[in-house]
């Protein structure tokens, strides 16, 4: 996946609204999509609270921590963790270059911004436990069903 493709995805993935009920539906859809692709953690949160979280069978606290670090990257840069990771790698930049500690932020795909038309970035949906491109694709697939 390349930067232009990821940018196009983000332009397309803008919702007319996003409610707590939709967060639950999105989380449940991700559980169904993830069956057989375990172990993963699924997290949907705003910058200040969790709307949905599950660590599926076989997932560990490490997966939970990765999910938080990936979503922190989304909120810091306003783009998916995969897009930010590729942009920074392309420019030869690190988290330290931006003053961000690796213990709180992760350069790894799997967290996707939830944007609402007229409101912008309001939440992030994150998958952790698969290879980063698969984490990203799973989150995009589920979020795309809401558009």
N, C-alpha and C. Protein backbone atom coordinates (compact mmCIF):
# COMPACT_ATOMS: atom_id res chain seq x y z
N UNK A 1 0.85 -1.17 0.00
CA UNK A 1 0.00 0.00 0.00
C UNK A 1 0.90 1.24 0.00
N UNK A 2 0.48 2.25 -0.76
CA UNK A 2 1.29 3.47 -0.86
C UNK A 2 0.57 4.67 -0.27
N UNK A 3 1.29 5.77 -0.14
CA UNK A 3 0.76 6.97 0.49
C UNK A 3 -0.48 7.50 -0.25
N UNK A 4 -0.44 7.54 -1.57
CA UNK A 4 -1.58 8.06 -2.34
C UNK A 4 -2.84 7.23 -2.12
N UNK A 5 -2.70 5.92 -2.06
CA UNK A 5 -3.84 5.03 -1.82
C UNK A 5 -4.42 5.28 -0.42
N UNK A 6 -3.55 5.40 0.56
CA UNK A 6 -4.01 5.66 1.93
C UNK A 6 -4.69 7.02 2.04
N UNK A 7 -4.14 8.04 1.38
CA UNK A 7 -4.77 9.36 1.40
C UNK A 7 -6.16 9.31 0.77
N UNK A 8 -6.29 8.56 -0.32
CA UNK A 8 -7.58 8.41 -0.98
C UNK A 8 -8.59 7.70 -0.07
N UNK A 9 -8.13 6.67 0.64
CA UNK A 9 -9.01 5.98 1.59
C UNK A 9 -9.56 6.96 2.62
N UNK A 10 -8.67 7.78 3.16
CA UNK A 10 -9.09 8.69 4.22
C UNK A 10 -10.07 9.75 3.73
N UNK A 11 -9.91 10.17 2.49
CA UNK A 11 -10.84 11.13 1.91
C UNK A 11 -12.23 10.50 1.78
N UNK A 12 -12.26 9.22 1.45
CA UNK A 12 -13.51 8.49 1.26
C UNK A 12 -14.19 8.13 2.58
N UNK A 13 -13.41 7.91 3.62
CA UNK A 13 -13.95 7.41 4.88
C UNK A 13 -14.38 8.55 5.82
N UNK A 14 -15.35 9.33 5.37
CA UNK A 14 -15.91 10.41 6.20
C UNK A 14 -17.39 10.09 6.41
N UNK A 15 -17.79 10.02 7.66
CA UNK A 15 -19.15 9.64 8.00
C UNK A 15 -20.05 10.86 8.15
N UNK A 16 -21.35 10.70 7.90
CA UNK A 16 -22.27 11.81 8.14
C UNK A 16 -22.46 12.09 9.64
N UNK A 17 -22.30 11.03 10.47
CA UNK A 17 -22.39 11.15 11.92
C UNK A 17 -21.75 9.91 12.52
N UNK A 18 -21.46 9.96 13.80
CA UNK A 18 -20.92 8.78 14.49
C UNK A 18 -21.39 8.83 15.94
N UNK A 19 -22.16 7.83 16.31
CA UNK A 19 -22.75 7.76 17.66
C UNK A 19 -22.15 6.61 18.45
N UNK A 20 -22.46 6.58 19.73
CA UNK A 20 -22.01 5.47 20.56
C UNK A 20 -22.61 4.15 20.08
N UNK A 21 -23.85 4.18 19.60
CA UNK A 21 -24.45 2.96 19.05
C UNK A 21 -23.68 2.48 17.82
N UNK A 22 -23.23 3.42 16.99
CA UNK A 22 -22.43 3.04 15.83
C UNK A 22 -21.07 2.50 16.25
N UNK A 23 -20.50 3.02 17.32
CA UNK A 23 -19.23 2.49 17.83
C UNK A 23 -19.42 1.03 18.23
N UNK A 24 -20.51 0.73 18.90
CA UNK A 24 -20.80 -0.65 19.27
C UNK A 24 -20.97 -1.52 18.04
N UNK A 25 -21.75 -1.06 17.06
CA UNK A 25 -21.96 -1.82 15.82
C UNK A 25 -20.64 -2.05 15.09
N UNK A 26 -19.80 -1.02 15.04
CA UNK A 26 -18.49 -1.14 14.39
C UNK A 26 -17.64 -2.17 15.12
N UNK A 27 -17.61 -2.12 16.43
CA UNK A 27 -16.84 -3.09 17.20
C UNK A 27 -17.32 -4.51 16.98
N UNK A 28 -18.63 -4.70 16.99
CA UNK A 28 -19.19 -6.04 16.77
C UNK A 28 -18.91 -6.54 15.35
N UNK A 29 -18.96 -5.63 14.37
CA UNK A 29 -18.64 -6.01 12.99
C UNK A 29 -17.18 -6.44 12.89
N UNK A 30 -16.31 -5.76 13.60
CA UNK A 30 -14.89 -6.15 13.60
C UNK A 30 -14.68 -7.51 14.24
N UNK A 31 -15.42 -7.79 15.30
CA UNK A 31 -15.32 -9.12 15.92
C UNK A 31 -15.67 -10.19 14.91
N UNK A 32 -16.78 -9.99 14.20
CA UNK A 32 -17.20 -10.98 13.19
C UNK A 32 -16.17 -11.11 12.07
N UNK A 33 -15.65 -9.98 11.60
CA UNK A 33 -14.65 -10.01 10.52
C UNK A 33 -13.36 -10.66 10.97
N UNK A 34 -13.07 -10.60 12.25
CA UNK A 34 -11.80 -11.11 12.77
C UNK A 34 -11.83 -12.59 13.13
N UNK A 35 -12.99 -13.18 13.18
CA UNK A 35 -13.06 -14.59 13.56
C UNK A 35 -12.13 -15.41 12.66
N UNK A 36 -11.31 -16.23 13.30
CA UNK A 36 -10.36 -17.04 12.55
C UNK A 36 -9.04 -16.32 12.29
N UNK A 37 -8.95 -15.05 12.67
CA UNK A 37 -7.73 -14.28 12.46
C UNK A 37 -7.19 -13.80 13.81
N UNK A 38 -7.38 -14.60 14.82
CA UNK A 38 -7.01 -14.23 16.18
C UNK A 38 -5.52 -14.44 16.39
N UNK A 39 -4.92 -13.88 17.38
CA UNK A 39 -5.48 -13.06 18.45
C UNK A 39 -5.36 -11.57 18.12
N UNK A 40 -6.41 -10.83 18.37
CA UNK A 40 -6.35 -9.39 18.16
C UNK A 40 -7.08 -8.64 19.28
N UNK A 41 -6.73 -7.39 19.40
CA UNK A 41 -7.46 -6.45 20.24
C UNK A 41 -8.13 -5.46 19.31
N UNK A 42 -9.34 -5.03 19.66
CA UNK A 42 -10.09 -4.04 18.89
C UNK A 42 -10.41 -2.90 19.84
N UNK A 43 -10.15 -1.69 19.41
CA UNK A 43 -10.36 -0.53 20.26
C UNK A 43 -10.97 0.60 19.45
N UNK A 44 -12.00 1.22 19.99
CA UNK A 44 -12.59 2.40 19.38
C UNK A 44 -12.66 3.45 20.47
N UNK A 45 -12.01 4.59 20.24
CA UNK A 45 -11.97 5.60 21.29
C UNK A 45 -11.90 7.01 20.72
N UNK A 46 -12.33 7.93 21.55
CA UNK A 46 -12.15 9.36 21.28
C UNK A 46 -10.83 9.74 21.94
N UNK A 47 -10.40 10.99 21.81
CA UNK A 47 -9.15 11.35 22.50
C UNK A 47 -9.21 11.20 24.02
N UNK A 48 -10.43 11.21 24.59
CA UNK A 48 -10.50 11.19 26.05
C UNK A 48 -11.31 10.04 26.66
N UNK A 49 -11.86 9.13 25.84
CA UNK A 49 -12.55 7.99 26.44
C UNK A 49 -12.72 6.84 25.46
N UNK A 50 -12.85 5.65 26.03
CA UNK A 50 -13.02 4.43 25.26
C UNK A 50 -14.50 4.20 24.98
N UNK A 51 -14.82 3.95 23.71
CA UNK A 51 -16.20 3.65 23.32
C UNK A 51 -16.45 2.14 23.20
N UNK A 52 -15.38 1.40 22.82
CA UNK A 52 -15.48 -0.05 22.64
C UNK A 52 -14.08 -0.63 22.76
N UNK A 53 -13.96 -1.75 23.45
CA UNK A 53 -12.67 -2.43 23.53
C UNK A 53 -12.88 -3.90 23.82
N UNK A 54 -12.15 -4.73 23.10
CA UNK A 54 -12.14 -6.16 23.38
C UNK A 54 -10.76 -6.72 23.04
N UNK A 55 -10.29 -7.58 23.90
CA UNK A 55 -9.10 -8.38 23.61
C UNK A 55 -9.61 -9.79 23.36
N UNK A 56 -9.55 -10.21 22.12
CA UNK A 56 -10.13 -11.50 21.76
C UNK A 56 -9.23 -12.63 22.24
N UNK A 57 -9.77 -13.83 22.23
CA UNK A 57 -9.05 -15.00 22.71
C UNK A 57 -7.62 -15.03 22.15
N UNK A 58 -6.67 -15.16 23.06
CA UNK A 58 -5.27 -15.24 22.67
C UNK A 58 -4.54 -13.90 22.66
N UNK A 59 -5.30 -12.81 22.68
CA UNK A 59 -4.66 -11.49 22.72
C UNK A 59 -4.11 -11.25 24.12
N UNK A 60 -3.18 -10.32 24.22
CA UNK A 60 -2.56 -10.04 25.52
C UNK A 60 -2.60 -8.55 25.81
N UNK A 61 -2.12 -8.21 26.98
CA UNK A 61 -2.02 -6.80 27.35
C UNK A 61 -1.11 -6.05 26.39
N UNK A 62 -0.19 -6.74 25.76
CA UNK A 62 0.69 -6.10 24.77
C UNK A 62 -0.14 -5.61 23.58
N UNK A 63 -1.12 -6.42 23.12
CA UNK A 63 -1.98 -5.98 22.02
C UNK A 63 -2.79 -4.75 22.42
N UNK A 64 -3.27 -4.73 23.67
CA UNK A 64 -4.00 -3.56 24.16
C UNK A 64 -3.11 -2.32 24.14
N UNK A 65 -1.88 -2.49 24.57
CA UNK A 65 -0.93 -1.37 24.61
C UNK A 65 -0.61 -0.88 23.20
N UNK A 66 -0.40 -1.80 22.26
CA UNK A 66 -0.15 -1.40 20.87
C UNK A 66 -1.34 -0.62 20.31
N UNK A 67 -2.56 -1.08 20.61
CA UNK A 67 -3.76 -0.38 20.12
C UNK A 67 -3.78 1.06 20.63
N UNK A 68 -3.49 1.25 21.90
CA UNK A 68 -3.46 2.60 22.46
C UNK A 68 -2.38 3.45 21.80
N UNK A 69 -1.19 2.89 21.64
CA UNK A 69 -0.08 3.64 21.04
C UNK A 69 -0.38 4.01 19.57
N UNK A 70 -1.04 3.10 18.83
CA UNK A 70 -1.40 3.40 17.44
C UNK A 70 -2.45 4.51 17.38
N UNK A 71 -3.47 4.42 18.24
CA UNK A 71 -4.51 5.45 18.21
C UNK A 71 -3.95 6.80 18.67
N UNK A 72 -3.00 6.80 19.60
CA UNK A 72 -2.35 8.05 19.98
C UNK A 72 -1.69 8.71 18.77
N UNK A 73 -1.12 7.90 17.88
CA UNK A 73 -0.49 8.42 16.66
C UNK A 73 -1.54 9.09 15.76
N UNK A 74 -2.71 8.46 15.65
CA UNK A 74 -3.80 9.04 14.85
C UNK A 74 -4.18 10.42 15.39
N UNK A 75 -4.34 10.52 16.69
CA UNK A 75 -4.74 11.81 17.27
C UNK A 75 -3.63 12.85 17.18
N UNK A 76 -2.38 12.41 17.21
CA UNK A 76 -1.26 13.36 17.12
C UNK A 76 -1.08 13.92 15.71
N UNK A 77 -1.27 13.06 14.69
CA UNK A 77 -1.00 13.48 13.31
C UNK A 77 -2.25 13.68 12.47
N UNK A 78 -3.41 13.26 12.96
CA UNK A 78 -4.65 13.46 12.22
C UNK A 78 -4.79 12.60 10.99
N UNK A 79 -4.11 11.46 10.98
CA UNK A 79 -4.16 10.54 9.84
C UNK A 79 -4.02 9.12 10.38
N UNK A 80 -4.33 8.14 9.55
CA UNK A 80 -4.20 6.76 10.00
C UNK A 80 -2.76 6.47 10.43
N UNK A 81 -2.62 5.52 11.33
CA UNK A 81 -1.27 5.18 11.78
C UNK A 81 -0.44 4.61 10.64
N UNK A 82 -1.08 3.94 9.68
CA UNK A 82 -0.35 3.42 8.53
C UNK A 82 0.15 4.55 7.64
N UNK A 83 -0.72 5.52 7.36
CA UNK A 83 -0.34 6.66 6.53
C UNK A 83 0.77 7.47 7.21
N UNK A 84 0.62 7.74 8.48
CA UNK A 84 1.66 8.49 9.21
C UNK A 84 2.97 7.73 9.21
N UNK A 85 2.91 6.42 9.44
CA UNK A 85 4.12 5.61 9.44
C UNK A 85 4.85 5.70 8.11
N UNK A 86 4.12 5.57 7.01
CA UNK A 86 4.75 5.64 5.68
C UNK A 86 5.29 7.03 5.39
N UNK A 87 4.54 8.06 5.77
CA UNK A 87 5.02 9.43 5.55
C UNK A 87 6.32 9.69 6.30
N UNK A 88 6.36 9.29 7.57
CA UNK A 88 7.56 9.53 8.37
C UNK A 88 8.73 8.71 7.86
N UNK A 89 8.49 7.44 7.51
CA UNK A 89 9.57 6.60 6.95
C UNK A 89 10.09 7.21 5.66
N UNK A 90 9.18 7.71 4.82
CA UNK A 90 9.56 8.30 3.54
C UNK A 90 10.45 9.53 3.74
N UNK A 91 10.20 10.29 4.80
CA UNK A 91 10.98 11.49 5.08
C UNK A 91 12.18 11.21 5.99
N UNK A 92 12.33 9.96 6.42
CA UNK A 92 13.43 9.61 7.31
C UNK A 92 13.27 10.18 8.71
N UNK A 93 12.04 10.41 9.13
CA UNK A 93 11.77 10.98 10.44
C UNK A 93 11.38 9.88 11.43
N UNK A 94 11.62 10.15 12.69
CA UNK A 94 11.28 9.22 13.77
C UNK A 94 10.28 9.89 14.71
N UNK A 95 9.78 9.11 15.64
CA UNK A 95 8.92 9.68 16.68
C UNK A 95 9.70 10.70 17.50
N UNK A 96 10.94 10.38 17.80
CA UNK A 96 11.78 11.28 18.60
C UNK A 96 11.95 12.63 17.90
N UNK A 97 12.03 12.62 16.58
CA UNK A 97 12.15 13.87 15.82
C UNK A 97 10.98 14.80 16.13
N UNK A 98 9.82 14.20 16.37
CA UNK A 98 8.61 14.97 16.66
C UNK A 98 8.36 15.12 18.16
N UNK A 99 9.32 14.69 18.96
CA UNK A 99 9.20 14.83 20.41
C UNK A 99 8.21 13.87 21.04
N UNK A 100 7.97 12.74 20.38
CA UNK A 100 6.99 11.77 20.86
C UNK A 100 7.68 10.52 21.39
N UNK A 101 7.38 10.10 22.60
CA UNK A 101 8.01 8.90 23.16
C UNK A 101 7.43 7.61 22.58
N UNK A 102 8.31 6.66 22.28
CA UNK A 102 7.86 5.38 21.73
C UNK A 102 6.97 4.61 22.69
N UNK A 103 7.07 4.88 23.97
CA UNK A 103 6.21 4.20 24.93
C UNK A 103 4.76 4.63 24.85
N UNK A 104 4.49 5.76 24.16
CA UNK A 104 3.12 6.28 24.06
C UNK A 104 2.59 6.32 22.63
N UNK A 105 3.48 6.17 21.65
CA UNK A 105 3.10 6.26 20.24
C UNK A 105 3.77 5.12 19.48
N UNK A 106 3.09 4.58 18.47
CA UNK A 106 3.65 3.48 17.69
C UNK A 106 3.59 3.78 16.20
N UNK A 107 4.72 3.63 15.53
CA UNK A 107 4.76 3.71 14.07
C UNK A 107 4.41 2.34 13.53
N UNK A 108 3.10 2.11 13.39
CA UNK A 108 2.60 0.82 12.94
C UNK A 108 1.17 1.00 12.47
N UNK A 109 0.82 0.37 11.38
CA UNK A 109 -0.53 0.46 10.85
C UNK A 109 -1.53 -0.27 11.71
N UNK A 110 -2.79 0.15 11.61
CA UNK A 110 -3.86 -0.54 12.30
C UNK A 110 -4.87 0.37 12.97
N UNK A 111 -4.56 1.67 13.03
CA UNK A 111 -5.52 2.62 13.62
C UNK A 111 -5.95 3.60 12.54
N UNK A 112 -7.25 3.78 12.42
CA UNK A 112 -7.82 4.60 11.35
C UNK A 112 -8.70 5.68 11.97
N UNK A 113 -8.54 6.92 11.50
CA UNK A 113 -9.38 7.99 12.05
C UNK A 113 -10.85 7.82 11.69
N UNK A 114 -11.70 8.18 12.63
CA UNK A 114 -13.13 8.25 12.37
C UNK A 114 -13.44 9.73 12.25
N UNK A 115 -13.77 10.14 11.02
CA UNK A 115 -14.07 11.54 10.75
C UNK A 115 -15.56 11.69 10.45
N UNK A 116 -16.10 12.81 10.91
CA UNK A 116 -17.49 13.14 10.65
C UNK A 116 -17.52 14.42 9.82
N UNK A 117 -18.33 14.43 8.76
CA UNK A 117 -18.46 15.61 7.91
C UNK A 117 -18.82 16.81 8.77
N UNK A 118 -18.08 17.89 8.61
CA UNK A 118 -18.34 19.12 9.34
C UNK A 118 -17.74 19.17 10.73
N UNK A 119 -17.25 18.03 11.24
CA UNK A 119 -16.69 17.99 12.59
C UNK A 119 -15.22 17.56 12.60
N UNK A 120 -14.79 16.82 11.58
CA UNK A 120 -13.42 16.36 11.51
C UNK A 120 -13.18 15.09 12.31
N UNK A 121 -11.95 14.94 12.76
CA UNK A 121 -11.52 13.74 13.49
C UNK A 121 -12.15 13.73 14.88
N UNK A 122 -12.94 12.69 15.15
CA UNK A 122 -13.59 12.60 16.48
C UNK A 122 -13.21 11.34 17.24
N UNK A 123 -12.71 10.32 16.53
CA UNK A 123 -12.39 9.05 17.18
C UNK A 123 -11.42 8.27 16.30
N UNK A 124 -10.99 7.12 16.81
CA UNK A 124 -10.13 6.22 16.03
C UNK A 124 -10.59 4.80 16.28
N UNK A 125 -10.53 3.99 15.22
CA UNK A 125 -10.79 2.56 15.34
C UNK A 125 -9.46 1.86 15.11
N UNK A 126 -9.13 0.94 16.01
CA UNK A 126 -7.82 0.31 15.98
C UNK A 126 -7.92 -1.20 16.10
N UNK A 127 -7.10 -1.87 15.29
CA UNK A 127 -6.94 -3.32 15.37
C UNK A 127 -5.46 -3.58 15.65
N UNK A 128 -5.19 -4.50 16.57
CA UNK A 128 -3.82 -4.83 16.92
C UNK A 128 -3.67 -6.33 17.11
N UNK A 129 -2.66 -6.90 16.46
CA UNK A 129 -2.38 -8.32 16.63
C UNK A 129 -2.01 -9.03 15.35
N UNK A 130 -2.41 -8.47 14.22
CA UNK A 130 -2.06 -9.02 12.91
C UNK A 130 -0.88 -8.22 12.36
N UNK A 131 -0.32 -8.63 11.23
CA UNK A 131 0.67 -7.75 10.58
C UNK A 131 0.02 -6.39 10.29
N UNK A 132 0.81 -5.31 10.34
CA UNK A 132 0.26 -3.96 10.30
C UNK A 132 -0.65 -3.68 9.11
N UNK A 133 -0.35 -4.18 7.94
CA UNK A 133 -1.21 -3.95 6.77
C UNK A 133 -2.56 -4.65 6.95
N UNK A 134 -2.55 -5.84 7.57
CA UNK A 134 -3.80 -6.56 7.82
C UNK A 134 -4.62 -5.86 8.90
N UNK A 135 -3.96 -5.38 9.95
CA UNK A 135 -4.66 -4.59 10.97
C UNK A 135 -5.37 -3.41 10.31
N UNK A 136 -4.63 -2.68 9.47
CA UNK A 136 -5.16 -1.50 8.79
C UNK A 136 -6.34 -1.89 7.89
N UNK A 137 -6.16 -2.92 7.07
CA UNK A 137 -7.20 -3.32 6.12
C UNK A 137 -8.48 -3.73 6.84
N UNK A 138 -8.34 -4.43 7.96
CA UNK A 138 -9.52 -4.85 8.71
C UNK A 138 -10.29 -3.64 9.26
N UNK A 139 -9.57 -2.67 9.80
CA UNK A 139 -10.21 -1.46 10.33
C UNK A 139 -10.89 -0.67 9.21
N UNK A 140 -10.21 -0.53 8.07
CA UNK A 140 -10.78 0.21 6.93
C UNK A 140 -12.03 -0.49 6.40
N UNK A 141 -11.96 -1.80 6.28
CA UNK A 141 -13.11 -2.57 5.78
C UNK A 141 -14.34 -2.34 6.65
N UNK A 142 -14.17 -2.45 7.94
CA UNK A 142 -15.32 -2.30 8.86
C UNK A 142 -15.83 -0.86 8.86
N UNK A 143 -14.93 0.11 8.89
CA UNK A 143 -15.33 1.52 8.89
C UNK A 143 -16.02 1.87 7.57
N UNK A 144 -15.53 1.32 6.47
CA UNK A 144 -16.11 1.57 5.15
C UNK A 144 -17.56 1.17 5.06
N UNK A 145 -17.97 0.19 5.84
CA UNK A 145 -19.37 -0.26 5.82
C UNK A 145 -20.30 0.80 6.42
N UNK A 146 -19.74 1.74 7.18
CA UNK A 146 -20.57 2.80 7.79
C UNK A 146 -20.72 4.03 6.90
N UNK A 147 -19.88 4.13 5.88
CA UNK A 147 -19.89 5.33 5.01
C UNK A 147 -21.10 5.33 4.12
